[in-house]
């Protein structure tokens, strides 16, 4: 029997490593998993749904939420601000869901301070050369952006030692199964099964 208490999973990795694809696969395989939805001040793009892709808010609304302690972490990219709203995460955890939060390395550190029981998984590229090839294949960045992303990626890979688990994305299906296997196994640790163990002992 699965523990009824929710679990927060922090999921990080450098740009181009395949985080979104892996998340899509594991969410498709296990409907009990809940993907956290980020806040953003950027304009909604065609086909995006508020509350599913992002929570779309104005900059004034975002700053008010920050002042009221309603944002777990945030960062600014260009003209837009992105962040993690606290209320939905707390609601899902209270409902006993496993909440997966895709987050960059600095943000993960902030989240750990608020949720010390959070579990962290780092998705690692098989090599920096492969990561560079994947970024170049996308064709969405110029040379300067590619060099910048690779430099950031090197620093992020060095921070993988801060994470509980490291999964190499050499094969998409294998990596997805490994991430999902970690999450499933975590539900049966002694700490999370302690309540069930107590119930069994009491009924002896």
Protein backbone atom coordinates (compact mmCIF):
# COMPACT_ATOMS: atom_id res chain seq x y z
CA UNK A 1 0.00 0.00 0.00
CA UNK A 2 1.34 3.41 -0.96
CA UNK A 3 1.91 6.06 1.68
CA UNK A 4 -0.88 8.64 1.67
CA UNK A 5 1.47 11.55 2.28
CA UNK A 6 2.52 13.52 -0.78
CA UNK A 7 6.06 13.63 -2.09
CA UNK A 8 7.86 16.47 -3.82
CA UNK A 9 10.36 15.51 -6.53
CA UNK A 10 12.80 18.12 -7.83
CA UNK A 11 13.82 17.36 -11.42
CA UNK A 12 16.79 19.21 -12.90
CA UNK A 13 19.28 18.98 -15.72
CA UNK A 14 21.00 21.19 -18.29
CA UNK A 15 19.17 22.70 -21.24
CA UNK A 16 18.88 20.19 -24.08
CA UNK A 17 19.21 17.07 -21.91
CA UNK A 18 15.57 16.05 -22.49
CA UNK A 19 13.80 16.94 -19.24
CA UNK A 20 10.46 17.80 -20.85
CA UNK A 21 10.43 14.67 -23.01
CA UNK A 22 11.25 12.41 -20.05
CA UNK A 23 8.56 14.11 -17.96
CA UNK A 24 5.97 13.67 -20.71
CA UNK A 25 6.77 9.95 -20.89
CA UNK A 26 6.60 9.26 -17.14
CA UNK A 27 3.44 11.34 -16.69
CA UNK A 28 1.87 9.32 -19.49
CA UNK A 29 2.87 6.07 -17.79
CA UNK A 30 1.68 6.98 -14.29
CA UNK A 31 -1.41 9.17 -13.97
CA UNK A 32 -0.86 9.51 -10.20
CA UNK A 33 2.07 11.87 -10.85
CA UNK A 34 1.37 15.60 -10.83
CA UNK A 35 3.54 18.02 -12.78
CA UNK A 36 3.95 21.40 -11.12
CA UNK A 37 2.82 24.37 -13.22
CA UNK A 38 4.96 27.50 -13.25
CA UNK A 39 3.98 31.14 -13.13
CA UNK A 40 5.07 33.45 -15.93
CA UNK A 41 4.64 37.07 -16.92
CA UNK A 42 5.11 36.40 -20.62
CA UNK A 43 2.23 36.51 -23.07
CA UNK A 44 0.25 33.33 -23.64
CA UNK A 45 1.15 31.68 -26.94
CA UNK A 46 -1.29 30.14 -29.38
CA UNK A 47 -2.58 26.82 -28.09
CA UNK A 48 -1.37 27.31 -24.50
CA UNK A 49 -3.88 26.84 -21.68
CA UNK A 50 -3.77 28.89 -18.49
CA UNK A 51 -3.31 26.59 -15.51
CA UNK A 52 -1.97 23.74 -17.65
CA UNK A 53 1.03 25.10 -19.53
CA UNK A 54 1.62 28.05 -17.18
CA UNK A 55 -0.25 30.32 -14.82
CA UNK A 56 -0.19 33.56 -16.80
CA UNK A 57 -0.04 36.67 -14.61
CA UNK A 58 0.97 40.31 -14.95
CA UNK A 59 4.23 41.62 -13.51
CA UNK A 60 2.29 43.50 -10.83
CA UNK A 61 0.45 40.31 -9.86
CA UNK A 62 3.74 38.39 -9.78
CA UNK A 63 5.45 40.93 -7.52
CA UNK A 64 2.43 40.99 -5.19
CA UNK A 65 2.59 37.19 -4.91
CA UNK A 66 6.31 37.39 -4.09
CA UNK A 67 5.66 39.94 -1.34
CA UNK A 68 2.90 37.75 0.10
CA UNK A 69 5.12 34.66 0.23
CA UNK A 70 3.10 32.88 -2.46
CA UNK A 71 6.08 32.10 -4.72
CA UNK A 72 8.58 29.39 -3.77
CA UNK A 73 11.31 30.56 -6.13
CA UNK A 74 11.58 32.75 -9.20
CA UNK A 75 14.00 34.00 -11.81
CA UNK A 76 13.96 36.58 -14.58
CA UNK A 77 14.85 35.69 -18.16
CA UNK A 78 14.97 38.70 -20.44
CA UNK A 79 11.84 40.75 -19.87
CA UNK A 80 9.83 37.94 -18.33
CA UNK A 81 9.71 36.41 -14.84
CA UNK A 82 9.13 32.72 -14.14
CA UNK A 83 8.46 31.09 -10.78
CA UNK A 84 6.83 28.31 -8.79
CA UNK A 85 3.53 29.08 -7.02
CA UNK A 86 3.32 27.69 -3.48
CA UNK A 87 -0.43 27.10 -3.11
CA UNK A 88 -0.88 24.40 -5.81
CA UNK A 89 2.19 22.48 -4.62
CA UNK A 90 0.95 22.45 -1.03
CA UNK A 91 -2.55 21.44 -2.16
CA UNK A 92 -1.29 18.49 -4.21
CA UNK A 93 1.04 17.33 -1.44
CA UNK A 94 -1.85 17.47 1.05
CA UNK A 95 -3.88 15.32 -1.35
CA UNK A 96 -1.11 12.72 -1.24
CA UNK A 97 0.14 13.26 -4.78
CA UNK A 98 3.69 12.93 -6.01
CA UNK A 99 4.47 16.39 -7.37
CA UNK A 100 7.26 16.71 -9.91
CA UNK A 101 8.84 20.12 -10.13
CA UNK A 102 11.09 20.74 -13.14
CA UNK A 103 13.50 23.34 -11.88
CA UNK A 104 16.94 24.77 -12.49
CA UNK A 105 19.76 24.12 -10.05
CA UNK A 106 19.63 27.41 -8.12
CA UNK A 107 15.88 27.18 -7.70
CA UNK A 108 16.17 23.60 -6.44
CA UNK A 109 18.43 24.78 -3.65
CA UNK A 110 15.81 27.28 -2.51
CA UNK A 111 13.05 24.66 -2.62
CA UNK A 112 15.09 22.26 -0.44
CA UNK A 113 15.22 24.93 2.27
CA UNK A 114 11.41 25.07 2.31
CA UNK A 115 10.75 21.36 1.77
CA UNK A 116 13.71 19.49 3.34
CA UNK A 117 12.04 16.13 2.61
CA UNK A 118 11.96 16.82 -1.13
CA UNK A 119 13.71 14.21 -3.29
CA UNK A 120 15.97 15.42 -6.10
CA UNK A 121 16.81 13.79 -9.43
CA UNK A 122 19.38 15.17 -11.87
CA UNK A 123 19.10 14.20 -15.56
CA UNK A 124 22.62 13.93 -16.95
CA UNK A 125 23.70 13.96 -20.61
CA UNK A 126 25.95 11.04 -21.64
CA UNK A 127 28.62 13.62 -22.55
CA UNK A 128 28.99 17.33 -23.19
CA UNK A 129 29.58 16.54 -26.86
CA UNK A 130 26.22 14.78 -27.12
CA UNK A 131 24.52 17.65 -25.29
CA UNK A 132 26.02 20.15 -27.72
CA UNK A 133 24.80 18.08 -30.67
CA UNK A 134 21.28 17.99 -29.25
CA UNK A 135 21.24 21.76 -28.74
CA UNK A 136 22.53 22.40 -32.25
CA UNK A 137 19.96 20.04 -33.81
CA UNK A 138 17.15 22.14 -32.31
CA UNK A 139 18.35 25.07 -34.40
CA UNK A 140 16.75 27.62 -32.06
CA UNK A 141 19.90 29.38 -30.80
CA UNK A 142 22.72 31.28 -32.45
CA UNK A 143 26.37 30.45 -31.77
CA UNK A 144 26.67 32.85 -28.84
CA UNK A 145 23.58 31.36 -27.18
CA UNK A 146 24.90 27.83 -27.71
CA UNK A 147 28.23 28.67 -26.08
CA UNK A 148 26.43 30.34 -23.18
CA UNK A 149 24.12 27.35 -22.66
CA UNK A 150 27.06 24.92 -22.74
CA UNK A 151 28.94 26.93 -20.14
CA UNK A 152 25.87 26.99 -17.90
CA UNK A 153 25.42 23.25 -18.50
CA UNK A 154 28.98 22.52 -17.32
CA UNK A 155 28.32 24.39 -14.08
CA UNK A 156 25.01 22.59 -13.59
CA UNK A 157 26.57 19.17 -14.16
CA UNK A 158 29.14 20.00 -11.48
CA UNK A 159 26.23 20.68 -9.09
CA UNK A 160 24.74 17.22 -9.70
CA UNK A 161 26.54 16.12 -6.52
CA UNK A 162 23.85 18.06 -4.61
CA UNK A 163 21.16 15.67 -5.87
CA UNK A 164 19.91 12.41 -4.38
CA UNK A 165 19.86 10.58 -7.71
CA UNK A 166 21.55 11.01 -11.09
CA UNK A 167 20.08 9.45 -14.25
CA UNK A 168 21.98 9.51 -17.56
CA UNK A 169 19.78 10.18 -20.59
CA UNK A 170 21.66 8.08 -23.12
CA UNK A 171 18.51 6.29 -24.21
CA UNK A 172 15.17 8.06 -23.76
CA UNK A 173 13.11 5.01 -22.85
CA UNK A 174 15.72 3.69 -20.43
CA UNK A 175 16.18 7.07 -18.77
CA UNK A 176 12.40 7.51 -18.40
CA UNK A 177 12.04 4.04 -16.87
CA UNK A 178 14.89 4.77 -14.47
CA UNK A 179 13.35 8.06 -13.31
CA UNK A 180 9.96 6.42 -12.87
CA UNK A 181 11.56 3.48 -11.06
CA UNK A 182 13.24 5.81 -8.57
CA UNK A 183 9.97 7.62 -7.85
CA UNK A 184 8.05 4.36 -7.38
CA UNK A 185 10.73 2.89 -5.11
CA UNK A 186 10.74 6.01 -2.93
CA UNK A 187 7.14 5.36 -1.97
CA UNK A 188 8.29 2.23 -0.11
CA UNK A 189 11.11 3.64 2.00
CA UNK A 190 10.83 3.02 5.74
CA UNK A 191 10.27 6.72 6.37
CA UNK A 192 7.31 6.87 4.02
CA UNK A 193 5.88 3.51 5.09
CA UNK A 194 6.22 4.24 8.80
CA UNK A 195 2.52 5.02 9.22
CA UNK A 196 1.49 1.77 7.54
CA UNK A 197 3.99 -0.19 9.67
CA UNK A 198 2.49 1.33 12.83
CA UNK A 199 -1.00 0.32 11.70
CA UNK A 200 0.16 -3.27 11.14
CA UNK A 201 1.82 -3.44 14.57
CA UNK A 202 -1.27 -2.01 16.30
CA UNK A 203 -3.44 -4.69 14.70
CA UNK A 204 -1.27 -7.58 15.83
